[in-house]
Amino acid sequence: MSPSELDGVIAGEFEARTQGVWHAAQAIDRAGRAAEVSDAAIQNLMSAALKLYSAKIDARRSHFSPVRDDANITATEAAVLTVELMHVVNLNLFDLSMWASRPRD
């Protein structure tokens, strides 16, 4: 298998796994069992998604929505994550407003 074929297999496997994670997370949420998911599992998922999203934005120099169109993210959910991420990197609202005002492609 050539390197490019291997890359395609890895990308395809990654895509399939993310679909599985999406469906599992939806089922856990619908069942009201989110508290049973370990902190480490969520940290792994969020850290990987955050790093990958940021790297892709930097690489292609254009933005895309970080969430699925059918995710139905609420303002509360977005605010909770935003505030926690701000705490992780010691970012204040003034600093955030500077980032938010930068031009989008």
N, C-alpha and C. Protein backbone atom coordinates (compact mmCIF):
# COMPACT_ATOMS: atom_id res chain seq x y z
N MET A 1 0.84 -1.17 0.00
CA MET A 1 0.00 0.00 0.00
C MET A 1 0.89 1.24 0.00
N SER A 2 0.61 2.16 -0.91
CA SER A 2 1.41 3.39 -1.01
C SER A 2 1.07 4.32 0.14
N PRO A 3 1.96 5.30 0.41
CA PRO A 3 1.68 6.26 1.48
C PRO A 3 0.35 7.00 1.27
N SER A 4 0.04 7.36 0.02
CA SER A 4 -1.21 8.08 -0.21
C SER A 4 -2.42 7.17 0.02
N GLU A 5 -2.30 5.89 -0.33
CA GLU A 5 -3.39 4.95 -0.06
C GLU A 5 -3.57 4.77 1.44
N LEU A 6 -2.45 4.69 2.16
CA LEU A 6 -2.49 4.56 3.61
C LEU A 6 -3.15 5.78 4.23
N ASP A 7 -2.81 6.97 3.73
CA ASP A 7 -3.43 8.20 4.24
C ASP A 7 -4.94 8.16 4.05
N GLY A 8 -5.40 7.65 2.90
CA GLY A 8 -6.82 7.54 2.64
C GLY A 8 -7.50 6.60 3.60
N VAL A 9 -6.85 5.49 3.91
CA VAL A 9 -7.40 4.52 4.86
C VAL A 9 -7.49 5.15 6.24
N ILE A 10 -6.46 5.83 6.66
CA ILE A 10 -6.44 6.48 7.98
C ILE A 10 -7.53 7.55 8.05
N ALA A 11 -7.64 8.37 7.00
CA ALA A 11 -8.66 9.42 6.99
C ALA A 11 -10.06 8.81 7.00
N GLY A 12 -10.27 7.76 6.23
CA GLY A 12 -11.57 7.10 6.20
C GLY A 12 -11.92 6.47 7.53
N GLU A 13 -10.95 5.84 8.17
CA GLU A 13 -11.17 5.23 9.48
C GLU A 13 -11.48 6.31 10.52
N PHE A 14 -10.77 7.40 10.45
CA PHE A 14 -11.01 8.51 11.39
C PHE A 14 -12.44 9.03 11.21
N GLU A 15 -12.84 9.23 9.96
CA GLU A 15 -14.19 9.71 9.66
C GLU A 15 -15.24 8.77 10.24
N ALA A 16 -15.06 7.47 10.02
CA ALA A 16 -16.01 6.48 10.53
C ALA A 16 -16.06 6.49 12.06
N ARG A 17 -14.91 6.61 12.67
CA ARG A 17 -14.88 6.62 14.14
C ARG A 17 -15.56 7.86 14.70
N THR A 18 -15.39 8.99 14.05
CA THR A 18 -16.04 10.20 14.55
C THR A 18 -17.56 10.08 14.43
N GLN A 19 -18.04 9.43 13.38
CA GLN A 19 -19.49 9.19 13.25
C GLN A 19 -19.98 8.31 14.40
N GLY A 20 -19.20 7.28 14.73
CA GLY A 20 -19.56 6.41 15.84
C GLY A 20 -19.60 7.15 17.16
N VAL A 21 -18.62 8.03 17.37
CA VAL A 21 -18.59 8.82 18.61
C VAL A 21 -19.81 9.74 18.66
N TRP A 22 -20.14 10.36 17.54
CA TRP A 22 -21.31 11.26 17.48
C TRP A 22 -22.57 10.50 17.88
N HIS A 23 -22.78 9.34 17.29
CA HIS A 23 -23.99 8.57 17.58
C HIS A 23 -24.01 8.09 19.03
N ALA A 24 -22.86 7.67 19.54
CA ALA A 24 -22.79 7.22 20.94
C ALA A 24 -23.08 8.38 21.89
N ALA A 25 -22.52 9.54 21.61
CA ALA A 25 -22.76 10.72 22.47
C ALA A 25 -24.22 11.12 22.45
N GLN A 26 -24.85 11.05 21.28
CA GLN A 26 -26.28 11.36 21.19
C GLN A 26 -27.10 10.39 22.02
N ALA A 27 -26.77 9.11 21.95
CA ALA A 27 -27.50 8.10 22.72
C ALA A 27 -27.32 8.30 24.21
N ILE A 28 -26.11 8.61 24.63
CA ILE A 28 -25.83 8.86 26.05
C ILE A 28 -26.62 10.07 26.53
N ASP A 29 -26.63 11.13 25.73
CA ASP A 29 -27.36 12.34 26.10
C ASP A 29 -28.86 12.07 26.18
N ARG A 30 -29.41 11.40 25.18
CA ARG A 30 -30.84 11.09 25.18
C ARG A 30 -31.24 10.23 26.38
N ALA A 31 -30.35 9.34 26.79
CA ALA A 31 -30.63 8.47 27.94
C ALA A 31 -30.40 9.17 29.27
N GLY A 32 -29.90 10.42 29.23
CA GLY A 32 -29.64 11.15 30.47
C GLY A 32 -28.50 10.57 31.28
N ARG A 33 -27.51 10.02 30.58
CA ARG A 33 -26.42 9.33 31.28
C ARG A 33 -25.06 10.01 31.10
N ALA A 34 -25.07 11.29 30.79
CA ALA A 34 -23.81 12.01 30.56
C ALA A 34 -22.90 11.98 31.78
N ALA A 35 -23.47 11.99 32.96
CA ALA A 35 -22.66 11.98 34.19
C ALA A 35 -21.83 10.71 34.32
N GLU A 36 -22.22 9.65 33.62
CA GLU A 36 -21.50 8.38 33.69
C GLU A 36 -20.26 8.35 32.80
N VAL A 37 -20.14 9.30 31.90
CA VAL A 37 -18.96 9.36 31.01
C VAL A 37 -17.81 9.94 31.81
N SER A 38 -16.65 9.32 31.73
CA SER A 38 -15.52 9.78 32.54
C SER A 38 -15.04 11.15 32.08
N ASP A 39 -14.50 11.89 33.02
CA ASP A 39 -13.91 13.19 32.70
C ASP A 39 -12.82 13.01 31.65
N ALA A 40 -12.01 11.97 31.81
CA ALA A 40 -10.89 11.73 30.89
C ALA A 40 -11.38 11.49 29.46
N ALA A 41 -12.47 10.78 29.30
CA ALA A 41 -13.01 10.52 27.96
C ALA A 41 -13.42 11.82 27.29
N ILE A 42 -14.08 12.68 28.03
CA ILE A 42 -14.51 13.97 27.47
C ILE A 42 -13.29 14.86 27.20
N GLN A 43 -12.32 14.84 28.10
CA GLN A 43 -11.10 15.63 27.89
C GLN A 43 -10.36 15.16 26.63
N ASN A 44 -10.27 13.86 26.42
CA ASN A 44 -9.63 13.34 25.21
C ASN A 44 -10.35 13.82 23.97
N LEU A 45 -11.66 13.71 23.98
CA LEU A 45 -12.46 14.11 22.82
C LEU A 45 -12.35 15.60 22.54
N MET A 46 -12.52 16.41 23.58
CA MET A 46 -12.48 17.86 23.40
C MET A 46 -11.10 18.35 22.99
N SER A 47 -10.08 17.80 23.61
CA SER A 47 -8.70 18.22 23.29
C SER A 47 -8.36 17.89 21.85
N ALA A 48 -8.70 16.68 21.42
CA ALA A 48 -8.41 16.28 20.05
C ALA A 48 -9.17 17.14 19.05
N ALA A 49 -10.46 17.37 19.32
CA ALA A 49 -11.28 18.17 18.41
C ALA A 49 -10.77 19.61 18.34
N LEU A 50 -10.43 20.18 19.47
CA LEU A 50 -9.94 21.55 19.52
C LEU A 50 -8.64 21.71 18.74
N LYS A 51 -7.70 20.81 18.98
CA LYS A 51 -6.40 20.88 18.28
C LYS A 51 -6.58 20.70 16.78
N LEU A 52 -7.39 19.72 16.37
CA LEU A 52 -7.60 19.44 14.96
C LEU A 52 -8.31 20.59 14.26
N TYR A 53 -9.34 21.14 14.90
CA TYR A 53 -10.09 22.26 14.32
C TYR A 53 -9.17 23.47 14.10
N SER A 54 -8.42 23.81 15.13
CA SER A 54 -7.52 24.96 15.03
C SER A 54 -6.45 24.75 13.96
N ALA A 55 -5.89 23.54 13.90
CA ALA A 55 -4.87 23.25 12.89
C ALA A 55 -5.44 23.35 11.49
N LYS A 56 -6.68 22.89 11.29
CA LYS A 56 -7.28 22.96 9.96
C LYS A 56 -7.58 24.40 9.56
N ILE A 57 -8.08 25.20 10.50
CA ILE A 57 -8.34 26.61 10.22
C ILE A 57 -7.04 27.31 9.82
N ASP A 58 -5.97 27.05 10.56
CA ASP A 58 -4.68 27.66 10.24
C ASP A 58 -4.15 27.18 8.90
N ALA A 59 -4.30 25.90 8.61
CA ALA A 59 -3.76 25.34 7.37
C ALA A 59 -4.48 25.84 6.14
N ARG A 60 -5.79 25.95 6.21
CA ARG A 60 -6.52 26.35 5.00
C ARG A 60 -6.87 27.83 4.99
N ARG A 61 -6.61 28.51 6.09
CA ARG A 61 -6.81 29.95 6.22
C ARG A 61 -8.23 30.40 5.86
N SER A 62 -9.19 29.58 6.26
CA SER A 62 -10.60 29.95 6.14
C SER A 62 -11.37 29.21 7.22
N HIS A 63 -12.53 29.75 7.54
CA HIS A 63 -13.32 29.22 8.65
C HIS A 63 -14.44 28.33 8.16
N PHE A 64 -14.86 27.45 9.01
CA PHE A 64 -16.06 26.64 8.80
C PHE A 64 -16.66 26.38 10.17
N SER A 65 -17.93 26.04 10.21
CA SER A 65 -18.58 25.82 11.50
C SER A 65 -17.94 24.63 12.21
N PRO A 66 -17.63 24.77 13.49
CA PRO A 66 -17.02 23.67 14.23
C PRO A 66 -18.04 22.61 14.66
N VAL A 67 -19.31 22.85 14.40
CA VAL A 67 -20.34 21.89 14.79
C VAL A 67 -21.21 21.52 13.60
N ARG A 68 -21.82 20.34 13.70
CA ARG A 68 -22.72 19.86 12.66
C ARG A 68 -23.95 20.76 12.58
N ASP A 69 -24.52 20.86 11.39
CA ASP A 69 -25.74 21.65 11.22
C ASP A 69 -26.89 21.11 12.06
N ASP A 70 -26.92 19.80 12.26
CA ASP A 70 -28.02 19.19 13.01
C ASP A 70 -27.70 18.99 14.50
N ALA A 71 -26.64 19.62 14.99
CA ALA A 71 -26.24 19.43 16.39
C ALA A 71 -27.17 20.15 17.36
N ASN A 72 -27.86 21.17 16.89
CA ASN A 72 -28.79 21.93 17.74
C ASN A 72 -28.12 22.42 19.03
N ILE A 73 -26.94 23.00 18.88
CA ILE A 73 -26.21 23.55 20.02
C ILE A 73 -26.97 24.75 20.57
N THR A 74 -27.18 24.78 21.88
CA THR A 74 -27.87 25.91 22.50
C THR A 74 -26.86 26.98 22.90
N ALA A 75 -27.37 28.17 23.16
CA ALA A 75 -26.51 29.25 23.63
C ALA A 75 -25.87 28.88 24.98
N THR A 76 -26.63 28.20 25.82
CA THR A 76 -26.10 27.78 27.12
C THR A 76 -24.94 26.81 26.94
N GLU A 77 -25.11 25.82 26.07
CA GLU A 77 -24.04 24.84 25.82
C GLU A 77 -22.79 25.53 25.29
N ALA A 78 -22.98 26.46 24.36
CA ALA A 78 -21.83 27.18 23.80
C ALA A 78 -21.16 28.04 24.86
N ALA A 79 -21.95 28.71 25.70
CA ALA A 79 -21.39 29.57 26.73
C ALA A 79 -20.62 28.76 27.78
N VAL A 80 -21.17 27.62 28.18
CA VAL A 80 -20.51 26.78 29.18
C VAL A 80 -19.13 26.37 28.67
N LEU A 81 -19.06 25.88 27.44
CA LEU A 81 -17.78 25.45 26.88
C LEU A 81 -16.83 26.63 26.71
N THR A 82 -17.34 27.74 26.21
CA THR A 82 -16.51 28.92 25.99
C THR A 82 -15.87 29.41 27.29
N VAL A 83 -16.67 29.50 28.33
CA VAL A 83 -16.17 29.96 29.63
C VAL A 83 -15.12 29.00 30.18
N GLU A 84 -15.37 27.71 30.07
CA GLU A 84 -14.40 26.73 30.57
C GLU A 84 -13.10 26.78 29.77
N LEU A 85 -13.20 26.94 28.47
CA LEU A 85 -11.98 27.05 27.65
C LEU A 85 -11.22 28.33 28.00
N MET A 86 -11.94 29.40 28.29
CA MET A 86 -11.27 30.64 28.69
C MET A 86 -10.50 30.44 29.99
N HIS A 87 -11.07 29.68 30.92
CA HIS A 87 -10.37 29.39 32.18
C HIS A 87 -9.12 28.55 31.93
N VAL A 88 -9.22 27.58 31.02
CA VAL A 88 -8.09 26.68 30.74
C VAL A 88 -6.86 27.47 30.28
N VAL A 89 -7.08 28.48 29.46
CA VAL A 89 -5.95 29.23 28.90
C VAL A 89 -5.79 30.61 29.52
N ASN A 90 -6.51 30.85 30.62
CA ASN A 90 -6.42 32.13 31.34
C ASN A 90 -6.69 33.32 30.40
N LEU A 91 -7.80 33.22 29.68
CA LEU A 91 -8.20 34.26 28.73
C LEU A 91 -9.34 35.06 29.35
N ASN A 92 -9.26 36.40 29.26
CA ASN A 92 -10.34 37.22 29.80
C ASN A 92 -11.22 37.73 28.66
N LEU A 93 -12.34 38.36 29.02
CA LEU A 93 -13.29 38.82 28.00
C LEU A 93 -12.69 39.87 27.07
N PHE A 94 -11.82 40.72 27.59
CA PHE A 94 -11.17 41.72 26.74
C PHE A 94 -10.31 41.03 25.68
N ASP A 95 -9.51 40.06 26.11
CA ASP A 95 -8.68 39.32 25.15
C ASP A 95 -9.55 38.60 24.13
N LEU A 96 -10.62 38.00 24.61
CA LEU A 96 -11.52 37.28 23.71
C LEU A 96 -12.13 38.22 22.68
N SER A 97 -12.49 39.42 23.10
CA SER A 97 -13.08 40.38 22.16
C SER A 97 -12.09 40.78 21.08
N MET A 98 -10.80 40.82 21.41
CA MET A 98 -9.79 41.12 20.39
C MET A 98 -9.72 39.99 19.37
N TRP A 99 -9.75 38.74 19.84
CA TRP A 99 -9.75 37.59 18.91
C TRP A 99 -11.01 37.58 18.07
N ALA A 100 -12.15 37.90 18.69
CA ALA A 100 -13.43 37.85 17.98
C ALA A 100 -13.52 38.93 16.90
N SER A 101 -12.78 40.01 17.06
CA SER A 101 -12.85 41.10 16.09
C SER A 101 -11.90 40.93 14.90
N ARG A 102 -11.08 39.89 14.93
CA ARG A 102 -10.16 39.69 13.80
C ARG A 102 -10.97 39.30 12.56
N PRO A 103 -10.50 39.68 11.40
CA PRO A 103 -11.26 39.39 10.16
C PRO A 103 -11.38 37.89 9.89
N ARG A 104 -12.53 37.52 9.38
CA ARG A 104 -12.75 36.13 8.95
C ARG A 104 -12.72 36.10 7.43
N ASP A 105 -12.17 35.05 6.91
CA ASP A 105 -12.06 34.94 5.44
C ASP A 105 -13.40 34.67 4.80
